[in-house]
């Protein structure tokens, strides 16, 4: 199972879990500890963004996503 599938499976199986706790859980799990972890949050949620980075997120982006932030394909 790839890293994205693991994260989505955990999130879907645990309704009501917040993204900070999910980030912490993924970083504490040996199977997902080293995977890049990008968190996408609503615009202006700076407290959660900071907490996710503290918990080990690789990157935090806000919605709406802009092409300039993602990069061109």
PDB file of N, CA and C in Angstrom:
ATOM      1  N   UNK A   1       0.855  -1.179   0.000  1.00  0.00           N
ATOM      2  CA  UNK A   1       0.000   0.000   0.000  1.00  0.00           C
ATOM      3  C   UNK A   1       0.895   1.235   0.000  1.00  0.00           C
ATOM      4  N   UNK A   2       0.610   2.191  -0.860  1.00  0.00           N
ATOM      5  CA  UNK A   2       1.461   3.378  -0.912  1.00  0.00           C
ATOM      6  C   UNK A   2       1.103   4.361   0.208  1.00  0.00           C
ATOM      7  N   UNK A   3       1.955   5.346   0.394  1.00  0.00           N
ATOM      8  CA  UNK A   3       1.820   6.271   1.517  1.00  0.00           C
ATOM      9  C   UNK A   3       0.520   7.061   1.466  1.00  0.00           C
ATOM     10  N   UNK A   4       0.103   7.482   0.274  1.00  0.00           N
ATOM     11  CA  UNK A   4      -1.143   8.241   0.161  1.00  0.00           C
ATOM     12  C   UNK A   4      -2.325   7.373   0.564  1.00  0.00           C
ATOM     13  N   UNK A   5      -2.323   6.136   0.136  1.00  0.00           N
ATOM     14  CA  UNK A   5      -3.410   5.226   0.501  1.00  0.00           C
ATOM     15  C   UNK A   5      -3.443   4.994   2.008  1.00  0.00           C
ATOM     16  N   UNK A   6      -2.287   4.895   2.637  1.00  0.00           N
ATOM     17  CA  UNK A   6      -2.239   4.715   4.089  1.00  0.00           C
ATOM     18  C   UNK A   6      -2.875   5.918   4.781  1.00  0.00           C
ATOM     19  N   UNK A   7      -2.476   7.117   4.394  1.00  0.00           N
ATOM     20  CA  UNK A   7      -3.004   8.323   5.032  1.00  0.00           C
ATOM     21  C   UNK A   7      -4.502   8.444   4.820  1.00  0.00           C
ATOM     22  N   UNK A   8      -4.969   8.205   3.610  1.00  0.00           N
ATOM     23  CA  UNK A   8      -6.396   8.314   3.327  1.00  0.00           C
ATOM     24  C   UNK A   8      -7.182   7.235   4.066  1.00  0.00           C
ATOM     25  N   UNK A   9      -6.620   6.040   4.183  1.00  0.00           N
ATOM     26  CA  UNK A   9      -7.298   4.959   4.899  1.00  0.00           C
ATOM     27  C   UNK A   9      -7.441   5.291   6.380  1.00  0.00           C
ATOM     28  N   UNK A  10      -6.388   5.822   6.967  1.00  0.00           N
ATOM     29  CA  UNK A  10      -6.438   6.203   8.377  1.00  0.00           C
ATOM     30  C   UNK A  10      -7.477   7.288   8.584  1.00  0.00           C
ATOM     31  N   UNK A  11      -7.471   8.299   7.727  1.00  0.00           N
ATOM     32  CA  UNK A  11      -8.386   9.427   7.878  1.00  0.00           C
ATOM     33  C   UNK A  11      -9.833   8.987   7.690  1.00  0.00           C
ATOM     34  N   UNK A  12     -10.096   8.111   6.712  1.00  0.00           N
ATOM     35  CA  UNK A  12     -11.453   7.640   6.440  1.00  0.00           C
ATOM     36  C   UNK A  12     -11.964   6.716   7.550  1.00  0.00           C
ATOM     37  N   UNK A  13     -11.072   5.947   8.138  1.00  0.00           N
ATOM     38  CA  UNK A  13     -11.473   4.988   9.158  1.00  0.00           C
ATOM     39  C   UNK A  13     -11.725   5.642  10.513  1.00  0.00           C
ATOM     40  N   UNK A  14     -11.314   6.877  10.672  1.00  0.00           N
ATOM     41  CA  UNK A  14     -11.424   7.533  11.962  1.00  0.00           C
ATOM     42  C   UNK A  14     -12.127   8.878  11.831  1.00  0.00           C
ATOM     43  N   UNK A  15     -13.436   8.862  11.573  1.00  0.00           N
ATOM     44  CA  UNK A  15     -14.138  10.144  11.424  1.00  0.00           C
ATOM     45  C   UNK A  15     -14.003  10.985  12.696  1.00  0.00           C
ATOM     46  N   UNK A  16     -13.856  12.266  12.501  1.00  0.00           N
ATOM     47  CA  UNK A  16     -13.739  13.169  13.632  1.00  0.00           C
ATOM     48  C   UNK A  16     -12.312  13.418  14.083  1.00  0.00           C
ATOM     49  N   UNK A  17     -11.348  12.694  13.527  1.00  0.00           N
ATOM     50  CA  UNK A  17      -9.946  12.920  13.903  1.00  0.00           C
ATOM     51  C   UNK A  17      -9.484  14.235  13.277  1.00  0.00           C
ATOM     52  N   UNK A  18      -8.732  15.014  14.015  1.00  0.00           N
ATOM     53  CA  UNK A  18      -8.260  16.272  13.434  1.00  0.00           C
ATOM     54  C   UNK A  18      -6.910  16.054  12.740  1.00  0.00           C
ATOM     55  N   UNK A  19      -6.576  16.975  11.876  1.00  0.00           N
ATOM     56  CA  UNK A  19      -5.394  16.828  11.034  1.00  0.00           C
ATOM     57  C   UNK A  19      -4.107  16.856  11.856  1.00  0.00           C
ATOM     58  N   UNK A  20      -4.098  17.562  12.966  1.00  0.00           N
ATOM     59  CA  UNK A  20      -2.900  17.565  13.822  1.00  0.00           C
ATOM     60  C   UNK A  20      -2.652  16.184  14.406  1.00  0.00           C
ATOM     61  N   UNK A  21      -3.714  15.548  14.863  1.00  0.00           N
ATOM     62  CA  UNK A  21      -3.573  14.204  15.430  1.00  0.00           C
ATOM     63  C   UNK A  21      -3.172  13.209  14.342  1.00  0.00           C
ATOM     64  N   UNK A  22      -3.767  13.335  13.156  1.00  0.00           N
ATOM     65  CA  UNK A  22      -3.407  12.448  12.049  1.00  0.00           C
ATOM     66  C   UNK A  22      -1.932  12.612  11.692  1.00  0.00           C
ATOM     67  N   UNK A  23      -1.450  13.844  11.640  1.00  0.00           N
ATOM     68  CA  UNK A  23      -0.039  14.095  11.349  1.00  0.00           C
ATOM     69  C   UNK A  23       0.846  13.408  12.389  1.00  0.00           C
ATOM     70  N   UNK A  24       0.500  13.566  13.645  1.00  0.00           N
ATOM     71  CA  UNK A  24       1.266  12.939  14.734  1.00  0.00           C
ATOM     72  C   UNK A  24       1.251  11.418  14.605  1.00  0.00           C
ATOM     73  N   UNK A  25       0.077  10.854  14.309  1.00  0.00           N
ATOM     74  CA  UNK A  25      -0.041   9.396  14.159  1.00  0.00           C
ATOM     75  C   UNK A  25       0.825   8.891  13.017  1.00  0.00           C
ATOM     76  N   UNK A  26       0.818   9.591  11.883  1.00  0.00           N
ATOM     77  CA  UNK A  26       1.615   9.162  10.736  1.00  0.00           C
ATOM     78  C   UNK A  26       3.105   9.251  11.032  1.00  0.00           C
ATOM     79  N   UNK A  27       3.527  10.262  11.737  1.00  0.00           N
ATOM     80  CA  UNK A  27       4.949  10.406  12.067  1.00  0.00           C
ATOM     81  C   UNK A  27       5.395   9.396  13.122  1.00  0.00           C
ATOM     82  N   UNK A  28       4.500   8.921  13.949  1.00  0.00           N
ATOM     83  CA  UNK A  28       4.845   7.932  14.973  1.00  0.00           C
ATOM     84  C   UNK A  28       4.786   6.501  14.452  1.00  0.00           C
ATOM     85  N   UNK A  29       4.259   6.303  13.243  1.00  0.00           N
ATOM     86  CA  UNK A  29       4.136   4.971  12.656  1.00  0.00           C
ATOM     87  C   UNK A  29       5.378   4.686  11.804  1.00  0.00           C
ATOM     88  N   UNK A  30       6.084   3.584  12.057  1.00  0.00           N
ATOM     89  CA  UNK A  30       7.293   3.269  11.271  1.00  0.00           C
ATOM     90  C   UNK A  30       7.035   3.182   9.770  1.00  0.00           C
ATOM     91  N   UNK A  31       5.847   2.746   9.360  1.00  0.00           N
ATOM     92  CA  UNK A  31       5.541   2.606   7.923  1.00  0.00           C
ATOM     93  C   UNK A  31       5.387   3.950   7.227  1.00  0.00           C
ATOM     94  N   UNK A  32       5.038   4.992   7.956  1.00  0.00           N
ATOM     95  CA  UNK A  32       4.788   6.280   7.309  1.00  0.00           C
ATOM     96  C   UNK A  32       5.703   7.390   7.831  1.00  0.00           C
ATOM     97  N   UNK A  33       6.605   7.054   8.720  1.00  0.00           N
ATOM     98  CA  UNK A  33       7.466   8.065   9.364  1.00  0.00           C
ATOM     99  C   UNK A  33       8.262   8.882   8.353  1.00  0.00           C
ATOM    100  N   UNK A  34       8.780   8.249   7.304  1.00  0.00           N
ATOM    101  CA  UNK A  34       9.669   8.928   6.363  1.00  0.00           C
ATOM    102  C   UNK A  34       8.971   9.471   5.112  1.00  0.00           C
ATOM    103  N   UNK A  35       7.679   9.190   4.956  1.00  0.00           N
ATOM    104  CA  UNK A  35       7.004   9.656   3.743  1.00  0.00           C
ATOM    105  C   UNK A  35       6.797  11.167   3.781  1.00  0.00           C
ATOM    106  N   UNK A  36       6.892  11.825   2.630  1.00  0.00           N
ATOM    107  CA  UNK A  36       6.559  13.249   2.586  1.00  0.00           C
ATOM    108  C   UNK A  36       5.087  13.422   2.954  1.00  0.00           C
ATOM    109  N   UNK A  37       4.791  14.402   3.757  1.00  0.00           N
ATOM    110  CA  UNK A  37       3.426  14.603   4.223  1.00  0.00           C
ATOM    111  C   UNK A  37       3.018  16.051   3.982  1.00  0.00           C
ATOM    112  N   UNK A  38       2.121  16.250   3.012  1.00  0.00           N
ATOM    113  CA  UNK A  38       1.616  17.577   2.705  1.00  0.00           C
ATOM    114  C   UNK A  38       0.217  17.701   3.274  1.00  0.00           C
ATOM    115  N   UNK A  39      -0.009  18.756   4.032  1.00  0.00           N
ATOM    116  CA  UNK A  39      -1.308  19.014   4.639  1.00  0.00           C
ATOM    117  C   UNK A  39      -1.940  20.191   3.908  1.00  0.00           C
ATOM    118  N   UNK A  40      -3.217  20.044   3.539  1.00  0.00           N
ATOM    119  CA  UNK A  40      -3.953  21.116   2.871  1.00  0.00           C
ATOM    120  C   UNK A  40      -5.048  21.570   3.821  1.00  0.00           C
ATOM    121  N   UNK A  41      -5.038  22.861   4.159  1.00  0.00           N
ATOM    122  CA  UNK A  41      -5.953  23.431   5.144  1.00  0.00           C
ATOM    123  C   UNK A  41      -6.763  24.568   4.539  1.00  0.00           C
ATOM    124  N   UNK A  42      -7.861  24.921   5.209  1.00  0.00           N
ATOM    125  CA  UNK A  42      -8.600  26.114   4.766  1.00  0.00           C
ATOM    126  C   UNK A  42      -7.728  27.355   4.925  1.00  0.00           C
ATOM    127  N   UNK A  43      -7.950  28.319   4.081  1.00  0.00           N
ATOM    128  CA  UNK A  43      -7.183  29.560   4.130  1.00  0.00           C
ATOM    129  C   UNK A  43      -7.319  30.228   5.495  1.00  0.00           C
ATOM    130  N   UNK A  44      -6.212  30.704   6.046  1.00  0.00           N
ATOM    131  CA  UNK A  44      -6.239  31.456   7.286  1.00  0.00           C
ATOM    132  C   UNK A  44      -6.130  30.630   8.549  1.00  0.00           C
ATOM    133  N   UNK A  45      -5.992  29.311   8.444  1.00  0.00           N
ATOM    134  CA  UNK A  45      -5.903  28.461   9.630  1.00  0.00           C
ATOM    135  C   UNK A  45      -4.441  28.347  10.068  1.00  0.00           C
ATOM    136  N   UNK A  46      -3.894  29.462  10.529  1.00  0.00           N
ATOM    137  CA  UNK A  46      -2.469  29.527  10.842  1.00  0.00           C
ATOM    138  C   UNK A  46      -2.082  28.700  12.063  1.00  0.00           C
ATOM    139  N   UNK A  47      -2.953  28.627  13.057  1.00  0.00           N
ATOM    140  CA  UNK A  47      -2.640  27.853  14.266  1.00  0.00           C
ATOM    141  C   UNK A  47      -2.502  26.373  13.926  1.00  0.00           C
ATOM    142  N   UNK A  48      -3.424  25.847  13.127  1.00  0.00           N
ATOM    143  CA  UNK A  48      -3.353  24.442  12.738  1.00  0.00           C
ATOM    144  C   UNK A  48      -2.149  24.199  11.838  1.00  0.00           C
ATOM    145  N   UNK A  49      -1.862  25.139  10.940  1.00  0.00           N
ATOM    146  CA  UNK A  49      -0.693  25.001  10.063  1.00  0.00           C
ATOM    147  C   UNK A  49       0.580  24.896  10.890  1.00  0.00           C
ATOM    148  N   UNK A  50       0.737  25.766  11.865  1.00  0.00           N
ATOM    149  CA  UNK A  50       1.925  25.740  12.715  1.00  0.00           C
ATOM    150  C   UNK A  50       1.997  24.436  13.508  1.00  0.00           C
ATOM    151  N   UNK A  51       0.858  23.976  14.018  1.00  0.00           N
ATOM    152  CA  UNK A  51       0.835  22.729  14.788  1.00  0.00           C
ATOM    153  C   UNK A  51       1.209  21.539  13.910  1.00  0.00           C
ATOM    154  N   UNK A  52       0.722  21.504  12.680  1.00  0.00           N
ATOM    155  CA  UNK A  52       1.043  20.396  11.774  1.00  0.00           C
ATOM    156  C   UNK A  52       2.532  20.379  11.440  1.00  0.00           C
ATOM    157  N   UNK A  53       3.119  21.539  11.231  1.00  0.00           N
ATOM    158  CA  UNK A  53       4.559  21.602  10.977  1.00  0.00           C
ATOM    159  C   UNK A  53       5.343  21.136  12.201  1.00  0.00           C
ATOM    160  N   UNK A  54       4.876  21.513  13.378  1.00  0.00           N
ATOM    161  CA  UNK A  54       5.519  21.060  14.612  1.00  0.00           C
ATOM    162  C   UNK A  54       5.411  19.550  14.764  1.00  0.00           C
ATOM    163  N   UNK A  55       4.290  18.972  14.355  1.00  0.00           N
ATOM    164  CA  UNK A  55       4.066  17.527  14.464  1.00  0.00           C
ATOM    165  C   UNK A  55       4.811  16.738  13.392  1.00  0.00           C
ATOM    166  N   UNK A  56       5.357  17.442  12.370  1.00  0.00           N
ATOM    167  CA  UNK A  56       6.174  16.742  11.389  1.00  0.00           C
ATOM    168  C   UNK A  56       5.713  16.803   9.948  1.00  0.00           C
ATOM    169  N   UNK A  57       4.706  17.618   9.637  1.00  0.00           N
ATOM    170  CA  UNK A  57       4.299  17.759   8.238  1.00  0.00           C
ATOM    171  C   UNK A  57       5.461  18.320   7.420  1.00  0.00           C
ATOM    172  N   UNK A  58       5.615  17.830   6.197  1.00  0.00           N
ATOM    173  CA  UNK A  58       6.674  18.311   5.315  1.00  0.00           C
ATOM    174  C   UNK A  58       6.345  19.676   4.737  1.00  0.00           C
ATOM    175  N   UNK A  59       5.055  19.898   4.498  1.00  0.00           N
ATOM    176  CA  UNK A  59       4.600  21.126   3.861  1.00  0.00           C
ATOM    177  C   UNK A  59       3.146  21.354   4.237  1.00  0.00           C
ATOM    178  N   UNK A  60       2.763  22.613   4.357  1.00  0.00           N
ATOM    179  CA  UNK A  60       1.364  22.965   4.584  1.00  0.00           C
ATOM    180  C   UNK A  60       0.969  23.956   3.505  1.00  0.00           C
ATOM    181  N   UNK A  61      -0.167  23.688   2.862  1.00  0.00           N
ATOM    182  CA  UNK A  61      -0.712  24.593   1.851  1.00  0.00           C
ATOM    183  C   UNK A  61      -2.137  24.933   2.258  1.00  0.00           C
ATOM    184  N   UNK A  62      -2.628  26.073   1.755  1.00  0.00           N
ATOM    185  CA  UNK A  62      -3.998  26.453   2.047  1.00  0.00           C
ATOM    186  C   UNK A  62      -4.851  26.424   0.788  1.00  0.00           C
ATOM    187  N   UNK A  63      -6.134  26.223   0.992  1.00  0.00           N
ATOM    188  CA  UNK A  63      -7.087  26.262  -0.113  1.00  0.00           C
ATOM    189  C   UNK A  63      -7.569  27.697  -0.256  1.00  0.00           C
ATOM    190  N   UNK A  64      -7.916  28.180  -1.407  1.00  0.00           N
ATOM    191  CA  UNK A  64      -7.817  27.471  -2.675  1.00  0.00           C
ATOM    192  C   UNK A  64      -6.362  27.371  -3.125  1.00  0.00           C
ATOM    193  N   UNK A  65      -6.040  26.242  -3.741  1.00  0.00           N
ATOM    194  CA  UNK A  65      -4.689  26.030  -4.251  1.00  0.00           C
ATOM    195  C   UNK A  65      -4.507  26.854  -5.514  1.00  0.00           C
ATOM    196  N   UNK A  66      -3.361  27.485  -5.627  1.00  0.00           N
ATOM    197  CA  UNK A  66      -3.076  28.281  -6.812  1.00  0.00           C
ATOM    198  C   UNK A  66      -1.987  27.599  -7.617  1.00  0.00           C
ATOM    199  N   UNK A  67      -2.106  27.601  -8.917  1.00  0.00           N
ATOM    200  CA  UNK A  67      -1.151  26.951  -9.803  1.00  0.00           C
ATOM    201  C   UNK A  67       0.281  27.397  -9.523  1.00  0.00           C
ATOM    202  N   UNK A  68       0.453  28.673  -9.180  1.00  0.00           N
ATOM    203  CA  UNK A  68       1.788  29.195  -8.919  1.00  0.00           C
ATOM    204  C   UNK A  68       2.439  28.506  -7.720  1.00  0.00           C
ATOM    205  N   UNK A  69       1.623  28.063  -6.759  1.00  0.00           N
ATOM    206  CA  UNK A  69       2.148  27.421  -5.552  1.00  0.00           C
ATOM    207  C   UNK A  69       2.480  25.971  -5.802  1.00  0.00           C
ATOM    208  N   UNK A  70       1.764  25.336  -6.697  1.00  0.00           N
ATOM    209  CA  UNK A  70       1.925  23.907  -6.941  1.00  0.00           C
ATOM    210  C   UNK A  70       3.056  23.637  -7.920  1.00  0.00           C
ATOM    211  N   UNK A  71       3.199  24.470  -8.905  1.00  0.00           N
ATOM    212  CA  UNK A  71       4.203  24.249  -9.953  1.00  0.00           C
ATOM    213  C   UNK A  71       3.511  23.796 -11.217  1.00  0.00           C
ATOM    214  N   UNK A  72       4.145  24.044 -12.325  1.00  0.00           N
ATOM    215  CA  UNK A  72       3.554  23.675 -13.613  1.00  0.00           C
ATOM    216  C   UNK A  72       3.976  22.289 -14.023  1.00  0.00           C
ATOM    217  N   UNK A  73       3.088  21.597 -14.665  1.00  0.00           N
ATOM    218  CA  UNK A  73       3.376  20.243 -15.156  1.00  0.00           C
ATOM    219  C   UNK A  73       3.670  20.309 -16.624  1.00  0.00           C
TER     220      UNK A  73
END
